[in-house]
Amino acid sequence: MSKLTPRERTTSRFAGLFFAAGCVLVVIFQATIGLYFTRHYFVAHFLLGLFLPFLFYSMGGMRLTFWTGMALTATWHFGYEFWEDQLGRPIYTPDWDQIVSGTVGLVAAWATYHAWNRHLDARAQSKTAPRNSP
């Protein structure tokens, strides 16, 4: 992993900037409307699902690092919601708004990943395609 291709370096930078933008967005939301322990807490779950996989993706810019990030984010999110969060409650009552918003965030992360790779594939193809001369 020490020798990254130009595409992996570009992707790694993009993922790092995307994650940093997500952190800035979370700080802005926390400072203005408040996220944690408010009625807007589901937004924090969405943003976690959307941006956290890109922290891992920025570590290598490869498919493996993205899917590792997705798996770890999903494990952390769903593990917390379905198990850890329930330990302090007298009865099992999942927070469906937070579960669904985290799931939507993970789907949005996949869509962003997919769009980015399609963009890079199209760009690479246009560079290698023969040019028609009149």
Protein backbone atom coordinates (compact mmCIF):
# COMPACT_ATOMS: atom_id res chain seq x y z
CA MET A 1 0.00 0.00 0.00
CA SER A 2 3.00 2.30 0.08
CA LYS A 3 3.04 2.68 -3.71
CA LEU A 4 -0.26 4.17 -4.78
CA THR A 5 -1.21 4.64 -8.41
CA PRO A 6 -2.12 8.15 -9.60
CA ARG A 7 -5.80 7.18 -9.50
CA GLU A 8 -5.49 5.90 -5.92
CA ARG A 9 -3.69 9.09 -4.85
CA THR A 10 -6.41 11.24 -6.44
CA THR A 11 -9.12 9.14 -4.86
CA SER A 12 -7.36 9.21 -1.50
CA ARG A 13 -7.20 13.02 -1.61
CA PHE A 14 -10.85 13.27 -2.66
CA ALA A 15 -11.94 10.95 0.13
CA GLY A 16 -9.90 12.85 2.71
CA LEU A 17 -11.35 16.19 1.59
CA PHE A 18 -14.86 14.75 1.55
CA PHE A 19 -14.44 13.41 5.09
CA ALA A 20 -12.99 16.77 6.25
CA ALA A 21 -15.95 18.60 4.67
CA GLY A 22 -18.25 16.25 6.57
CA CYS A 23 -16.48 17.06 9.83
CA VAL A 24 -16.86 20.78 9.18
CA LEU A 25 -20.55 20.27 8.39
CA VAL A 26 -21.09 18.36 11.63
CA VAL A 27 -19.34 21.10 13.65
CA ILE A 28 -21.48 23.77 11.97
CA PHE A 29 -24.68 21.83 12.67
CA GLN A 30 -23.65 21.14 16.25
CA ALA A 31 -22.89 24.81 16.83
CA THR A 32 -26.12 26.06 15.25
CA ILE A 33 -29.02 23.62 15.62
CA GLY A 34 -27.39 21.05 17.86
CA LEU A 35 -27.26 17.39 16.93
CA TYR A 36 -26.37 15.29 19.92
CA PHE A 37 -29.11 14.60 22.43
CA THR A 38 -31.63 16.77 20.56
CA ARG A 39 -34.54 15.96 18.28
CA HIS A 40 -32.08 16.41 15.36
CA TYR A 41 -29.95 13.45 16.48
CA PHE A 42 -31.02 11.39 13.46
CA VAL A 43 -29.05 13.86 11.28
CA ALA A 44 -25.88 12.86 13.12
CA HIS A 45 -26.55 9.22 12.22
CA PHE A 46 -27.04 10.12 8.56
CA LEU A 47 -23.82 12.14 8.49
CA LEU A 48 -21.93 9.35 10.24
CA GLY A 49 -23.10 6.86 7.63
CA LEU A 50 -22.28 9.24 4.78
CA PHE A 51 -18.84 10.50 5.76
CA LEU A 52 -17.14 7.91 8.00
CA PRO A 53 -16.48 5.32 5.25
CA PHE A 54 -14.49 7.99 3.40
CA LEU A 55 -12.05 8.26 6.31
CA PHE A 56 -11.04 4.67 5.59
CA TYR A 57 -11.19 5.23 1.83
CA SER A 58 -8.72 8.09 2.21
CA MET A 59 -6.20 5.67 3.73
CA GLY A 60 -5.57 3.94 0.43
CA GLY A 61 -7.97 5.09 -2.26
CA MET A 62 -8.71 1.46 -3.12
CA ARG A 63 -11.92 -0.52 -3.32
CA LEU A 64 -10.77 -2.61 -0.33
CA THR A 65 -10.33 0.43 1.93
CA PHE A 66 -13.74 1.81 0.99
CA TRP A 67 -15.55 -1.46 1.66
CA THR A 68 -13.60 -1.91 4.89
CA GLY A 69 -14.84 1.53 5.92
CA MET A 70 -18.40 0.64 4.96
CA ALA A 71 -18.26 -2.60 6.94
CA LEU A 72 -16.74 -0.98 10.03
CA THR A 73 -19.16 1.96 9.90
CA ALA A 74 -22.16 -0.36 9.51
CA THR A 75 -20.93 -2.62 12.31
CA TRP A 76 -20.39 0.32 14.62
CA HIS A 77 -23.68 2.01 13.76
CA PHE A 78 -25.94 -1.03 13.82
CA GLY A 79 -24.08 -2.62 16.71
CA TYR A 80 -24.67 0.49 18.76
CA GLU A 81 -28.31 0.90 17.76
CA PHE A 82 -29.40 -2.72 18.10
CA TRP A 83 -27.29 -3.73 21.10
CA GLU A 84 -25.28 -1.11 23.02
CA ASP A 85 -28.02 1.54 23.04
CA GLN A 86 -30.45 -1.04 24.41
CA LEU A 87 -28.39 -1.93 27.50
CA GLY A 88 -29.60 1.11 29.44
CA ARG A 89 -33.28 0.57 28.61
CA PRO A 90 -35.75 -1.52 30.57
CA ILE A 91 -37.37 -2.89 27.38
CA TYR A 92 -36.07 -3.38 23.84
CA THR A 93 -37.07 -0.25 21.89
CA PRO A 94 -34.97 0.49 18.80
CA ASP A 95 -34.71 4.08 17.56
CA TRP A 96 -35.96 3.49 14.03
CA ASP A 97 -35.40 7.06 12.90
CA GLN A 98 -31.71 6.78 13.76
CA ILE A 99 -31.41 3.30 12.26
CA VAL A 100 -33.04 4.38 9.01
CA SER A 101 -31.09 7.64 8.79
CA GLY A 102 -27.80 5.77 9.29
CA THR A 103 -28.83 3.30 6.59
CA VAL A 104 -29.69 6.15 4.21
CA GLY A 105 -26.29 7.68 5.00
CA LEU A 106 -24.53 4.41 4.13
CA VAL A 107 -26.48 4.19 0.87
CA ALA A 108 -25.53 7.80 0.10
CA ALA A 109 -21.87 6.94 0.79
CA TRP A 110 -22.09 4.05 -1.66
CA ALA A 111 -23.76 6.31 -4.27
CA THR A 112 -21.00 8.91 -3.84
CA TYR A 113 -18.34 6.21 -4.14
CA HIS A 114 -20.02 4.80 -7.25
CA ALA A 115 -20.41 8.24 -8.89
CA TRP A 116 -16.78 9.12 -8.17
CA ASN A 117 -15.50 5.90 -9.72
CA ARG A 118 -17.75 6.28 -12.77
CA HIS A 119 -16.37 9.79 -13.20
CA LEU A 120 -12.79 8.55 -13.01
CA ASP A 121 -13.51 5.67 -15.40
CA ALA A 122 -15.10 8.02 -17.95
CA ARG A 123 -12.20 10.45 -17.61
CA ALA A 124 -9.63 7.68 -18.11
CA GLN A 125 -11.53 6.35 -21.10
CA SER A 126 -11.70 9.76 -22.74
CA LYS A 127 -7.94 10.18 -22.35
CA THR A 128 -7.18 6.83 -24.01
CA ALA A 129 -9.81 7.02 -26.76
CA PRO A 130 -8.44 7.85 -30.20
CA ARG A 131 -9.26 11.31 -31.40
CA ASN A 132 -11.03 11.72 -34.70
CA SER A 133 -9.24 14.13 -36.94
CA PRO A 134 -11.07 15.82 -39.83
